[in-house]
C-alpha cells in the first residue's frame, strides 16, 4: 500500500531554515508527481510545491516562491522541501502527498513552527 512518511519539522526562528523529507513506498515512485501541502487550524489544506516525475518541472505557491525548493531522489524514493527565510506565517503542519489512480494519499504530517 502507498505509504508516505514525513520528517524534519520543528521549531525555528524567523529567517531560519528547515529541510523536510518524505520517504515514499508502495508505488512506482519515478512515475508519480509529488507534492507538499500545508494546513493551519481552521484553514483548508493548501498546495505549497509540486514536482514532476523526473524532477524537471517544479511549481510553488506565490508566497513561498524563491524561498522554498522542492526536490526528489528517484533512487531513494524521497521528496524533500528545503525551506529558507522562514516566516511566522509558514507555521503549519506540512504534508507529503501523491495522486495515484484518482486517489490522493497523504503522509501523517510534520509540524513546522516559526517563532522567536
N, C-alpha and C. Protein backbone atom coordinates (compact mmCIF):
# COMPACT_ATOMS: atom_id res chain seq x y z
N UNK A 1 0.84 -1.17 0.00
CA UNK A 1 0.00 0.00 0.00
C UNK A 1 0.89 1.24 0.00
N UNK A 2 0.29 2.33 -0.46
CA UNK A 2 1.03 3.58 -0.51
C UNK A 2 1.33 4.06 0.91
N UNK A 3 2.59 4.39 1.15
CA UNK A 3 2.99 4.97 2.43
C UNK A 3 3.87 6.17 2.19
N UNK A 4 3.58 7.23 2.92
CA UNK A 4 4.36 8.46 2.86
C UNK A 4 4.70 8.85 4.30
N UNK A 5 5.97 9.01 4.58
CA UNK A 5 6.41 9.32 5.94
C UNK A 5 7.27 10.57 5.91
N UNK A 6 6.74 11.64 6.52
CA UNK A 6 7.47 12.92 6.57
C UNK A 6 8.37 12.98 7.80
N UNK A 7 9.41 13.77 7.68
CA UNK A 7 10.30 14.04 8.80
C UNK A 7 10.94 15.40 8.59
N UNK A 8 11.53 15.93 9.67
CA UNK A 8 12.31 17.16 9.54
C UNK A 8 11.66 18.42 10.07
N UNK A 9 10.43 18.33 10.55
CA UNK A 9 9.80 19.52 11.10
C UNK A 9 10.40 19.91 12.43
N UNK A 10 9.95 21.04 12.94
CA UNK A 10 10.44 21.50 14.23
C UNK A 10 10.19 22.98 14.44
N UNK A 11 10.85 23.51 15.46
CA UNK A 11 10.74 24.92 15.82
C UNK A 11 11.96 25.66 15.28
N UNK A 12 11.71 26.77 14.62
CA UNK A 12 12.80 27.57 14.05
C UNK A 12 12.46 29.03 14.19
N UNK A 13 13.49 29.86 14.34
CA UNK A 13 13.27 31.30 14.45
C UNK A 13 13.00 31.90 13.08
N UNK A 14 12.29 33.03 13.06
CA UNK A 14 12.09 33.72 11.77
C UNK A 14 13.43 33.98 11.07
N UNK A 15 13.42 33.74 9.77
CA UNK A 15 14.65 33.87 8.99
C UNK A 15 15.46 32.61 8.90
N UNK A 16 15.09 31.61 9.68
CA UNK A 16 15.83 30.35 9.70
C UNK A 16 15.43 29.42 8.57
N UNK A 17 15.99 28.22 8.62
CA UNK A 17 15.78 27.22 7.57
C UNK A 17 15.44 25.87 8.17
N UNK A 18 14.69 25.11 7.41
CA UNK A 18 14.39 23.71 7.73
C UNK A 18 14.34 22.93 6.44
N UNK A 19 14.64 21.64 6.54
CA UNK A 19 14.51 20.76 5.38
C UNK A 19 13.59 19.61 5.77
N UNK A 20 12.49 19.50 5.06
CA UNK A 20 11.56 18.40 5.26
C UNK A 20 11.88 17.29 4.26
N UNK A 21 11.64 16.06 4.69
CA UNK A 21 11.85 14.93 3.80
C UNK A 21 10.65 14.00 3.88
N UNK A 22 10.34 13.37 2.76
CA UNK A 22 9.23 12.42 2.68
C UNK A 22 9.75 11.14 2.05
N UNK A 23 9.62 10.04 2.77
CA UNK A 23 10.01 8.73 2.25
C UNK A 23 8.77 8.02 1.74
N UNK A 24 8.80 7.60 0.49
CA UNK A 24 7.64 7.01 -0.16
C UNK A 24 7.86 5.53 -0.43
N UNK A 25 6.78 4.77 -0.35
CA UNK A 25 6.83 3.35 -0.67
C UNK A 25 5.45 2.88 -1.09
N UNK A 26 5.42 1.70 -1.72
CA UNK A 26 4.13 1.11 -2.10
C UNK A 26 3.65 1.47 -3.48
N UNK A 27 4.46 2.21 -4.22
CA UNK A 27 4.11 2.55 -5.60
C UNK A 27 5.40 2.83 -6.37
N UNK A 28 5.26 2.93 -7.68
CA UNK A 28 6.44 3.19 -8.52
C UNK A 28 6.74 4.68 -8.47
N UNK A 29 7.69 5.02 -7.63
CA UNK A 29 7.92 6.43 -7.29
C UNK A 29 8.26 7.26 -8.50
N UNK A 30 9.07 6.74 -9.41
CA UNK A 30 9.53 7.58 -10.52
C UNK A 30 8.50 7.77 -11.61
N UNK A 31 7.27 7.30 -11.38
CA UNK A 31 6.18 7.55 -12.32
C UNK A 31 5.13 8.50 -11.73
N UNK A 32 5.41 9.06 -10.56
CA UNK A 32 4.42 9.88 -9.87
C UNK A 32 4.93 11.29 -9.59
N UNK A 33 4.12 12.28 -9.95
CA UNK A 33 4.40 13.63 -9.49
C UNK A 33 4.17 13.67 -7.98
N UNK A 34 4.95 14.48 -7.31
CA UNK A 34 4.85 14.57 -5.85
C UNK A 34 4.57 16.00 -5.42
N UNK A 35 3.90 16.12 -4.29
CA UNK A 35 3.50 17.45 -3.82
C UNK A 35 3.70 17.58 -2.31
N UNK A 36 3.86 18.81 -1.87
CA UNK A 36 3.83 19.19 -0.46
C UNK A 36 2.66 20.14 -0.26
N UNK A 37 1.86 19.86 0.76
CA UNK A 37 0.77 20.73 1.18
C UNK A 37 1.06 21.20 2.60
N UNK A 38 0.32 22.20 3.03
CA UNK A 38 0.37 22.59 4.44
C UNK A 38 -1.01 23.02 4.90
N UNK A 39 -1.20 22.95 6.21
CA UNK A 39 -2.50 23.29 6.78
C UNK A 39 -2.33 23.89 8.15
N UNK A 40 -3.09 24.96 8.39
CA UNK A 40 -3.16 25.57 9.71
C UNK A 40 -4.59 25.40 10.23
N UNK A 41 -4.77 25.46 11.54
CA UNK A 41 -6.11 25.24 12.11
C UNK A 41 -7.14 26.20 11.52
N UNK A 42 -8.27 25.66 11.13
CA UNK A 42 -9.35 26.47 10.62
C UNK A 42 -9.24 26.85 9.16
N UNK A 43 -8.18 26.37 8.51
CA UNK A 43 -7.99 26.71 7.10
C UNK A 43 -7.89 25.45 6.26
N UNK A 44 -8.20 25.59 4.99
CA UNK A 44 -8.08 24.48 4.07
C UNK A 44 -6.61 24.14 3.84
N UNK A 45 -6.37 22.88 3.54
CA UNK A 45 -5.02 22.46 3.18
C UNK A 45 -4.65 23.12 1.86
N UNK A 46 -3.44 23.68 1.77
CA UNK A 46 -3.05 24.40 0.56
C UNK A 46 -1.79 23.80 -0.04
N UNK A 47 -1.75 23.83 -1.37
CA UNK A 47 -0.62 23.29 -2.10
C UNK A 47 0.57 24.23 -1.99
N UNK A 48 1.68 23.72 -1.51
CA UNK A 48 2.88 24.52 -1.34
C UNK A 48 3.81 24.39 -2.54
N UNK A 49 4.07 23.14 -2.95
CA UNK A 49 5.03 22.90 -4.03
C UNK A 49 4.74 21.57 -4.69
N UNK A 50 5.12 21.47 -5.95
CA UNK A 50 4.92 20.24 -6.71
C UNK A 50 6.12 19.99 -7.60
N UNK A 51 6.36 18.72 -7.89
CA UNK A 51 7.47 18.35 -8.75
C UNK A 51 7.05 17.19 -9.63
N UNK A 52 7.44 17.25 -10.90
CA UNK A 52 7.07 16.20 -11.83
C UNK A 52 7.88 14.92 -11.60
N UNK A 53 7.52 13.89 -12.34
CA UNK A 53 8.08 12.56 -12.12
C UNK A 53 9.60 12.53 -12.20
N UNK A 54 10.15 13.26 -13.14
CA UNK A 54 11.61 13.27 -13.33
C UNK A 54 12.28 14.42 -12.58
N UNK A 55 11.48 15.29 -12.00
CA UNK A 55 12.04 16.46 -11.33
C UNK A 55 12.34 17.61 -12.25
N UNK A 56 11.94 17.49 -13.50
CA UNK A 56 12.27 18.52 -14.46
C UNK A 56 11.46 19.80 -14.33
N UNK A 57 10.28 19.69 -13.75
CA UNK A 57 9.41 20.85 -13.60
C UNK A 57 8.96 20.94 -12.15
N UNK A 58 9.06 22.13 -11.60
CA UNK A 58 8.58 22.39 -10.24
C UNK A 58 7.64 23.58 -10.26
N UNK A 59 6.79 23.65 -9.26
CA UNK A 59 5.88 24.78 -9.15
C UNK A 59 5.65 25.08 -7.67
N UNK A 60 5.38 26.36 -7.38
CA UNK A 60 5.27 26.80 -5.99
C UNK A 60 4.10 27.76 -5.82
N UNK A 61 3.55 27.77 -4.62
CA UNK A 61 2.58 28.81 -4.32
C UNK A 61 3.33 30.14 -4.23
N UNK A 62 2.62 31.22 -4.52
CA UNK A 62 3.27 32.52 -4.66
C UNK A 62 4.04 32.92 -3.40
N UNK A 63 3.48 32.62 -2.24
CA UNK A 63 4.07 33.14 -1.00
C UNK A 63 5.37 32.43 -0.62
N UNK A 64 5.69 31.31 -1.25
CA UNK A 64 6.93 30.61 -0.90
C UNK A 64 7.94 30.61 -2.05
N UNK A 65 7.51 31.05 -3.23
CA UNK A 65 8.41 31.01 -4.39
C UNK A 65 9.64 31.86 -4.11
N UNK A 66 10.81 31.30 -4.37
CA UNK A 66 12.06 31.99 -4.10
C UNK A 66 12.64 31.68 -2.73
N UNK A 67 11.83 31.11 -1.85
CA UNK A 67 12.31 30.75 -0.50
C UNK A 67 12.34 29.23 -0.31
N UNK A 68 11.41 28.52 -0.93
CA UNK A 68 11.32 27.07 -0.78
C UNK A 68 11.80 26.40 -2.07
N UNK A 69 12.38 25.21 -1.91
CA UNK A 69 12.79 24.42 -3.07
C UNK A 69 12.38 22.97 -2.86
N UNK A 70 11.64 22.44 -3.83
CA UNK A 70 11.24 21.03 -3.79
C UNK A 70 12.21 20.25 -4.68
N UNK A 71 12.58 19.06 -4.23
CA UNK A 71 13.48 18.22 -5.00
C UNK A 71 13.14 16.76 -4.72
N UNK A 72 13.63 15.87 -5.56
CA UNK A 72 13.35 14.46 -5.36
C UNK A 72 14.57 13.63 -5.72
N UNK A 73 14.64 12.45 -5.12
CA UNK A 73 15.68 11.48 -5.44
C UNK A 73 14.97 10.17 -5.80
N UNK A 74 14.93 9.88 -7.07
CA UNK A 74 14.20 8.70 -7.53
C UNK A 74 14.93 7.39 -7.24
N UNK A 75 16.17 7.47 -6.83
CA UNK A 75 16.89 6.27 -6.39
C UNK A 75 16.54 5.92 -4.94
N UNK A 76 16.28 6.96 -4.15
CA UNK A 76 15.98 6.75 -2.73
C UNK A 76 14.49 6.83 -2.43
N UNK A 77 13.68 7.16 -3.44
CA UNK A 77 12.23 7.31 -3.25
C UNK A 77 11.90 8.36 -2.19
N UNK A 78 12.56 9.49 -2.30
CA UNK A 78 12.31 10.58 -1.37
C UNK A 78 12.02 11.88 -2.11
N UNK A 79 11.25 12.72 -1.46
CA UNK A 79 11.00 14.07 -1.96
C UNK A 79 11.20 15.02 -0.78
N UNK A 80 11.98 16.05 -1.01
CA UNK A 80 12.35 17.00 0.04
C UNK A 80 11.78 18.38 -0.22
N UNK A 81 11.67 19.14 0.85
CA UNK A 81 11.27 20.54 0.75
C UNK A 81 12.24 21.35 1.59
N UNK A 82 13.11 22.08 0.91
CA UNK A 82 14.05 22.97 1.57
C UNK A 82 13.37 24.30 1.77
N UNK A 83 13.31 24.76 3.03
CA UNK A 83 12.59 25.99 3.36
C UNK A 83 13.57 26.99 3.97
N UNK A 84 13.75 28.11 3.31
CA UNK A 84 14.66 29.16 3.77
C UNK A 84 13.88 30.44 4.07
N UNK A 85 14.53 31.33 4.78
CA UNK A 85 13.92 32.63 5.12
C UNK A 85 12.51 32.44 5.67
N UNK A 86 12.38 31.55 6.60
CA UNK A 86 11.07 31.19 7.12
C UNK A 86 10.43 32.36 7.86
N UNK A 87 9.11 32.43 7.73
CA UNK A 87 8.32 33.48 8.34
C UNK A 87 7.31 32.86 9.29
N UNK A 88 6.83 33.62 10.26
CA UNK A 88 5.81 33.08 11.17
C UNK A 88 4.59 32.52 10.43
N UNK A 89 4.24 33.13 9.31
CA UNK A 89 3.08 32.66 8.56
C UNK A 89 3.32 31.34 7.84
N UNK A 90 4.55 30.83 7.87
CA UNK A 90 4.83 29.50 7.35
C UNK A 90 4.51 28.41 8.36
N UNK A 91 4.18 28.80 9.57
CA UNK A 91 3.83 27.84 10.60
C UNK A 91 2.61 27.02 10.17
N UNK A 92 2.76 25.71 10.18
CA UNK A 92 1.68 24.82 9.70
C UNK A 92 2.12 23.37 9.89
N UNK A 93 1.19 22.48 9.68
CA UNK A 93 1.54 21.07 9.51
C UNK A 93 1.75 20.85 8.01
N UNK A 94 2.89 20.28 7.68
CA UNK A 94 3.25 20.05 6.28
C UNK A 94 3.05 18.58 5.94
N UNK A 95 2.39 18.35 4.80
CA UNK A 95 2.06 17.01 4.37
C UNK A 95 2.67 16.71 3.00
N UNK A 96 3.21 15.53 2.87
CA UNK A 96 3.63 14.99 1.59
C UNK A 96 2.42 14.28 0.97
N UNK A 97 2.27 14.36 -0.34
CA UNK A 97 1.09 13.78 -0.96
C UNK A 97 1.38 13.30 -2.37
N UNK A 98 0.62 12.28 -2.77
CA UNK A 98 0.70 11.78 -4.14
C UNK A 98 -0.70 11.40 -4.61
N UNK A 99 -0.96 11.68 -5.89
CA UNK A 99 -2.22 11.33 -6.51
C UNK A 99 -2.00 10.08 -7.35
N UNK A 100 -2.66 8.99 -6.98
CA UNK A 100 -2.50 7.73 -7.68
C UNK A 100 -3.86 7.19 -8.08
N UNK A 101 -4.08 7.01 -9.37
CA UNK A 101 -5.32 6.40 -9.86
C UNK A 101 -6.53 7.08 -9.23
N UNK A 102 -6.55 8.39 -9.28
CA UNK A 102 -7.65 9.24 -8.81
C UNK A 102 -7.81 9.25 -7.30
N UNK A 103 -6.90 8.65 -6.57
CA UNK A 103 -6.92 8.69 -5.11
C UNK A 103 -5.73 9.50 -4.62
N UNK A 104 -6.01 10.42 -3.70
CA UNK A 104 -4.90 11.20 -3.13
C UNK A 104 -4.50 10.58 -1.80
N UNK A 105 -3.22 10.33 -1.68
CA UNK A 105 -2.67 9.75 -0.46
C UNK A 105 -1.85 10.80 0.28
N UNK A 106 -1.89 10.69 1.61
CA UNK A 106 -1.23 11.67 2.48
C UNK A 106 -0.31 11.00 3.48
N UNK A 107 0.74 11.68 3.85
CA UNK A 107 1.51 11.28 4.99
C UNK A 107 0.82 11.74 6.26
N UNK A 108 1.49 11.49 7.40
CA UNK A 108 0.90 11.84 8.69
C UNK A 108 1.12 13.31 9.03
N UNK A 109 1.99 13.96 8.31
CA UNK A 109 2.27 15.38 8.52
C UNK A 109 3.40 15.61 9.50
N UNK A 110 4.06 16.75 9.35
CA UNK A 110 5.11 17.15 10.28
C UNK A 110 4.92 18.63 10.60
N UNK A 111 5.00 18.95 11.89
CA UNK A 111 4.73 20.31 12.34
C UNK A 111 5.95 21.20 12.12
N UNK A 112 5.71 22.35 11.52
CA UNK A 112 6.73 23.39 11.38
C UNK A 112 6.23 24.61 12.12
N UNK A 113 7.01 25.08 13.07
CA UNK A 113 6.65 26.27 13.84
C UNK A 113 7.75 27.31 13.71
N UNK A 114 7.38 28.48 13.22
CA UNK A 114 8.34 29.58 13.05
C UNK A 114 8.00 30.65 14.09
N UNK A 115 8.85 30.78 15.06
CA UNK A 115 8.57 31.70 16.16
C UNK A 115 9.86 32.08 16.87
N UNK A 116 9.89 33.30 17.38
CA UNK A 116 11.03 33.73 18.17
C UNK A 116 10.79 33.50 19.66
